[in-house]
C-alpha atoms as a PDB file:
ATOM      1  CA  MET A   1     132.707  87.699  75.611  1.00  0.00           C
ATOM      2  CA  SER A   2     129.540  86.826  73.603  1.00  0.00           C
ATOM      3  CA  LYS A   3     131.584  85.258  70.912  1.00  0.00           C
ATOM      4  CA  LYS A   4     133.500  83.001  73.260  1.00  0.00           C
ATOM      5  CA  THR A   5     130.307  81.931  75.063  1.00  0.00           C
ATOM      6  CA  ILE A   6     128.313  81.136  71.869  1.00  0.00           C
ATOM      7  CA  GLU A   7     131.325  79.171  70.436  1.00  0.00           C
ATOM      8  CA  GLU A   8     131.524  77.080  73.657  1.00  0.00           C
ATOM      9  CA  ILE A   9     127.712  76.339  73.382  1.00  0.00           C
ATOM     10  CA  ALA A  10     128.176  75.462  69.710  1.00  0.00           C
ATOM     11  CA  LEU A  11     130.899  72.988  70.597  1.00  0.00           C
ATOM     12  CA  LYS A  12     128.824  71.431  73.359  1.00  0.00           C
ATOM     13  CA  PHE A  13     125.833  70.823  71.113  1.00  0.00           C
ATOM     14  CA  ASP A  14     127.763  70.032  67.868  1.00  0.00           C
ATOM     15  CA  ALA A  15     126.357  73.162  66.230  1.00  0.00           C
ATOM     16  CA  ARG A  16     127.855  75.884  64.020  1.00  0.00           C
ATOM     17  CA  SER A  17     128.131  79.427  65.342  1.00  0.00           C
ATOM     18  CA  PHE A  18     127.174  82.475  63.460  1.00  0.00           C
ATOM     19  CA  PHE A  19     127.840  86.159  64.237  1.00  0.00           C
ATOM     20  CA  PRO A  20     126.331  89.306  62.889  1.00  0.00           C
ATOM     21  CA  PHE A  21     129.750  91.029  62.618  1.00  0.00           C
ATOM     22  CA  GLU A  22     131.457  88.253  60.563  1.00  0.00           C
ATOM     23  CA  GLU A  23     131.376  87.376  56.875  1.00  0.00           C
ATOM     24  CA  PRO A  24     129.605  85.815  55.361  1.00  0.00           C
ATOM     25  CA  PHE A  25     126.837  87.880  56.878  1.00  0.00           C
ATOM     26  CA  GLN A  26     123.760  85.944  57.832  1.00  0.00           C
ATOM     27  CA  PRO A  27     120.117  86.978  57.783  1.00  0.00           C
ATOM     28  CA  PHE A  28     119.774  87.516  61.580  1.00  0.00           C
ATOM     29  CA  ILE A  29     116.719  89.699  61.276  1.00  0.00           C
ATOM     30  CA  ASP A  30     114.878  87.129  59.034  1.00  0.00           C
ATOM     31  CA  TRP A  31     115.862  84.415  61.521  1.00  0.00           C
ATOM     32  CA  ALA A  32     114.570  86.468  64.441  1.00  0.00           C
ATOM     33  CA  LYS A  33     111.276  87.078  62.698  1.00  0.00           C
ATOM     34  CA  LYS A  34     110.644  83.358  62.513  1.00  0.00           C
ATOM     35  CA  CYS A  35     110.724  83.035  66.221  1.00  0.00           C
ATOM     36  CA  SER A  36     107.316  82.823  67.902  1.00  0.00           C
ATOM     37  CA  THR A  37     108.325  85.409  70.507  1.00  0.00           C
ATOM     38  CA  MET A  38     109.417  88.089  68.035  1.00  0.00           C
ATOM     39  CA  GLY A  39     107.608  90.531  65.807  1.00  0.00           C
ATOM     40  CA  SER A  40     108.036  93.864  64.110  1.00  0.00           C
ATOM     41  CA  SER A  41     107.078  97.120  65.961  1.00  0.00           C
ATOM     42  CA  LEU A  42     105.478 100.023  64.308  1.00  0.00           C
ATOM     43  CA  ALA A  43     108.796 101.924  64.743  1.00  0.00           C
ATOM     44  CA  ARG A  44     110.318  99.339  62.401  1.00  0.00           C
ATOM     45  CA  LEU A  45     112.424  97.665  65.116  1.00  0.00           C
ATOM     46  CA  LEU A  46     112.172  94.052  66.160  1.00  0.00           C
ATOM     47  CA  VAL A  47     110.127  93.652  69.305  1.00  0.00           C
ATOM     48  CA  HIS A  48     110.170  90.694  71.728  1.00  0.00           C
ATOM     49  CA  LYS A  49     106.960  89.908  73.514  1.00  0.00           C
ATOM     50  CA  GLU A  50     108.683  90.050  76.981  1.00  0.00           C
ATOM     51  CA  LYS A  51     111.749  92.184  76.431  1.00  0.00           C
ATOM     52  CA  GLY A  52     110.234  94.808  74.169  1.00  0.00           C
ATOM     53  CA  LEU A  53     112.462  96.924  71.876  1.00  0.00           C
ATOM     54  CA  PHE A  54     115.625  96.473  73.986  1.00  0.00           C
ATOM     55  CA  ILE A  55     116.966  93.295  72.337  1.00  0.00           C
ATOM     56  CA  SER A  56     120.015  92.484  70.282  1.00  0.00           C
ATOM     57  CA  PHE A  57     121.455  89.479  68.610  1.00  0.00           C
ATOM     58  CA  ARG A  58     125.100  88.592  69.444  1.00  0.00           C
ATOM     59  CA  GLY A  59     125.167  85.276  67.615  1.00  0.00           C
ATOM     60  CA  ALA A  60     123.186  82.241  66.466  1.00  0.00           C
ATOM     61  CA  LEU A  61     123.569  78.452  66.427  1.00  0.00           C
ATOM     62  CA  GLY A  62     123.103  76.337  63.514  1.00  0.00           C
ATOM     63  CA  ILE A  63     121.918  72.857  64.442  1.00  0.00           C
ATOM     64  CA  ASN A  64     121.495  69.721  62.345  1.00  0.00           C
ATOM     65  CA  GLN A  65     117.703  69.193  63.004  1.00  0.00           C
ATOM     66  CA  HIS A  66     114.450  70.887  62.187  1.00  0.00           C
ATOM     67  CA  ILE A  67     112.566  72.422  65.101  1.00  0.00           C
ATOM     68  CA  GLU A  68     108.825  73.142  64.738  1.00  0.00           C
ATOM     69  CA  THR A  69     107.835  76.436  66.103  1.00  0.00           C
ATOM     70  CA  PRO A  70     104.246  77.329  67.104  1.00  0.00           C
ATOM     71  CA  ASN A  71     102.358  79.714  64.867  1.00  0.00           C
ATOM     72  CA  ASN A  72     101.888  82.417  67.406  1.00  0.00           C
ATOM     73  CA  SER A  73     100.584  85.760  66.414  1.00  0.00           C
ATOM     74  CA  LYS A  74     103.399  88.167  65.492  1.00  0.00           C
ATOM     75  CA  ASP A  75     101.305  91.201  66.317  1.00  0.00           C
ATOM     76  CA  ILE A  76     102.930  91.758  69.632  1.00  0.00           C
ATOM     77  CA  CYS A  77     102.115  95.525  69.677  1.00  0.00           C
ATOM     78  CA  THR A  78      98.331  95.165  69.214  1.00  0.00           C
ATOM     79  CA  PRO A  79      97.324  95.858  72.903  1.00  0.00           C
ATOM     80  CA  CYS A  80      99.955  98.690  73.138  1.00  0.00           C
ATOM     81  CA  GLU A  81      99.250 102.419  72.963  1.00  0.00           C
ATOM     82  CA  LYS A  82     102.332 102.595  70.684  1.00  0.00           C
ATOM     83  CA  PRO A  83     104.553 105.178  72.466  1.00  0.00           C
ATOM     84  CA  CYS A  84     107.420 104.225  70.182  1.00  0.00           C
ATOM     85  CA  LEU A  85     105.943 106.169  67.331  1.00  0.00           C
ATOM     86  CA  THR A  86     106.178 109.497  69.093  1.00  0.00           C
ATOM     87  CA  ALA A  87     109.042 109.007  71.588  1.00  0.00           C
ATOM     88  CA  CYS A  88     111.877 110.330  69.346  1.00  0.00           C
ATOM     89  CA  PRO A  89     112.121 114.108  69.933  1.00  0.00           C
ATOM     90  CA  VAL A  90     113.362 114.665  66.357  1.00  0.00           C
ATOM     91  CA  GLY A  91     111.406 112.005  64.592  1.00  0.00           C
ATOM     92  CA  ALA A  92     114.555 110.107  63.585  1.00  0.00           C
ATOM     93  CA  LEU A  93     113.057 106.729  64.376  1.00  0.00           C
ATOM     94  CA  ASN A  94     109.447 106.115  63.475  1.00  0.00           C
ATOM     95  CA  GLN A  95     107.130 104.063  61.192  1.00  0.00           C
ATOM     96  CA  ASP A  96     108.769 105.618  58.123  1.00  0.00           C
ATOM     97  CA  GLY A  97     112.213 104.287  58.940  1.00  0.00           C
ATOM     98  CA  TYR A  98     115.358 105.292  60.815  1.00  0.00           C
ATOM     99  CA  ASP A  99     117.440 108.387  60.055  1.00  0.00           C
ATOM    100  CA  VAL A 100     120.675 107.424  61.704  1.00  0.00           C
ATOM    101  CA  ILE A 101     122.431 110.731  60.820  1.00  0.00           C
ATOM    102  CA  ARG A 102     119.678 112.848  62.168  1.00  0.00           C
ATOM    103  CA  CYS A 103     119.635 110.804  65.445  1.00  0.00           C
ATOM    104  CA  LYS A 104     123.383 111.028  65.967  1.00  0.00           C
ATOM    105  CA  GLU A 105     123.439 114.731  65.162  1.00  0.00           C
ATOM    106  CA  TYR A 106     120.684 115.375  67.771  1.00  0.00           C
ATOM    107  CA  VAL A 107     122.223 113.040  70.411  1.00  0.00           C
ATOM    108  CA  ASN A 108     125.480 114.927  70.095  1.00  0.00           C
ATOM    109  CA  THR A 109     123.902 118.325  70.969  1.00  0.00           C
ATOM    110  CA  PRO A 110     124.491 119.687  74.482  1.00  0.00           C
ATOM    111  CA  SER A 111     120.727 119.714  75.169  1.00  0.00           C
ATOM    112  CA  CYS A 112     120.190 116.062  74.525  1.00  0.00           C
ATOM    113  CA  GLN A 113     121.279 114.360  77.710  1.00  0.00           C
ATOM    114  CA  GLU A 114     118.179 112.241  77.947  1.00  0.00           C
ATOM    115  CA  CYS A 115     118.732 110.553  74.589  1.00  0.00           C
ATOM    116  CA  ARG A 116     122.485 110.262  75.184  1.00  0.00           C
ATOM    117  CA  ASN A 117     121.772 108.062  78.143  1.00  0.00           C
ATOM    118  CA  SER A 118     119.469 105.769  76.113  1.00  0.00           C
ATOM    119  CA  CYS A 119     117.129 105.712  73.132  1.00  0.00           C
ATOM    120  CA  LEU A 120     113.783 107.140  74.110  1.00  0.00           C
ATOM    121  CA  VAL A 121     112.092 104.979  71.461  1.00  0.00           C
ATOM    122  CA  ARG A 122     113.469 101.751  72.863  1.00  0.00           C
ATOM    123  CA  ARG A 123     112.761 102.903  76.463  1.00  0.00           C
ATOM    124  CA  SER A 124     109.163 103.788  75.585  1.00  0.00           C
ATOM    125  CA  CYS A 125     108.071 100.157  74.904  1.00  0.00           C
ATOM    126  CA  PRO A 126     105.999  98.892  77.867  1.00  0.00           C
ATOM    127  CA  SER A 127     107.264  95.256  77.301  1.00  0.00           C
ATOM    128  CA  GLY A 128     110.248  94.423  79.476  1.00  0.00           C
ATOM    129  CA  GLN A 129     110.300  97.657  81.397  1.00  0.00           C
ATOM    130  CA  ASN A 130     111.381  95.810  84.505  1.00  0.00           C
ATOM    131  CA  LEU A 131     114.301  94.064  82.788  1.00  0.00           C
ATOM    132  CA  ARG A 132     116.244  97.165  81.563  1.00  0.00           C
ATOM    133  CA  LEU A 133     119.442  98.196  83.313  1.00  0.00           C
ATOM    134  CA  LYS A 134     120.815 101.736  83.097  1.00  0.00           C
ATOM    135  CA  GLU A 135     124.345 100.352  82.541  1.00  0.00           C
ATOM    136  CA  GLN A 136     123.083  98.489  79.377  1.00  0.00           C
ATOM    137  CA  PHE A 137     121.439 101.596  77.981  1.00  0.00           C
ATOM    138  CA  ASN A 138     124.554 103.610  78.620  1.00  0.00           C
ATOM    139  CA  PHE A 139     126.863 100.938  77.026  1.00  0.00           C
ATOM    140  CA  HIS A 140     124.786 100.666  73.873  1.00  0.00           C
ATOM    141  CA  MET A 141     124.505 104.392  73.367  1.00  0.00           C
ATOM    142  CA  ARG A 142     128.290 104.903  73.798  1.00  0.00           C
ATOM    143  CA  ALA A 143     128.860 102.132  71.327  1.00  0.00           C
ATOM    144  CA  PHE A 144     126.369 103.668  68.898  1.00  0.00           C
ATOM    145  CA  LEU A 145     127.913 107.100  69.063  1.00  0.00           C
ATOM    146  CA  ASN A 146     131.487 105.780  68.689  1.00  0.00           C
ATOM    147  CA  ASP A 147     130.712 104.087  65.376  1.00  0.00           C
END
């Protein structure tokens, strides 16, 4: 659904569409970091100033003009108490990086219902708390576990 929507928008605005799951792979993370609303969290995930750690990039548009962006501060996490650094019960996601294998092993244990429903690190971010839907959390965790 995302691909179809982004391709329709690209056609409407005479732009190129790019997707993170198609070759040639594009630098989506680098592009996101150039946005005035994005920054890097201490848990080494991208953080949006309004949506927090629960963001994803389904596609991008390549347009034929330069757009100036304001030089806003990228230190979105400064006023935060940084719960993302201690939210993971097994320390799989923290300021040192992301241990995907450790995360998946823990999430697949019978005692890990809370993580299986959604990532505690992503949920811990105070930005965007009111925007998160339980169904989205569940969808993304199911997709993550079915890699």
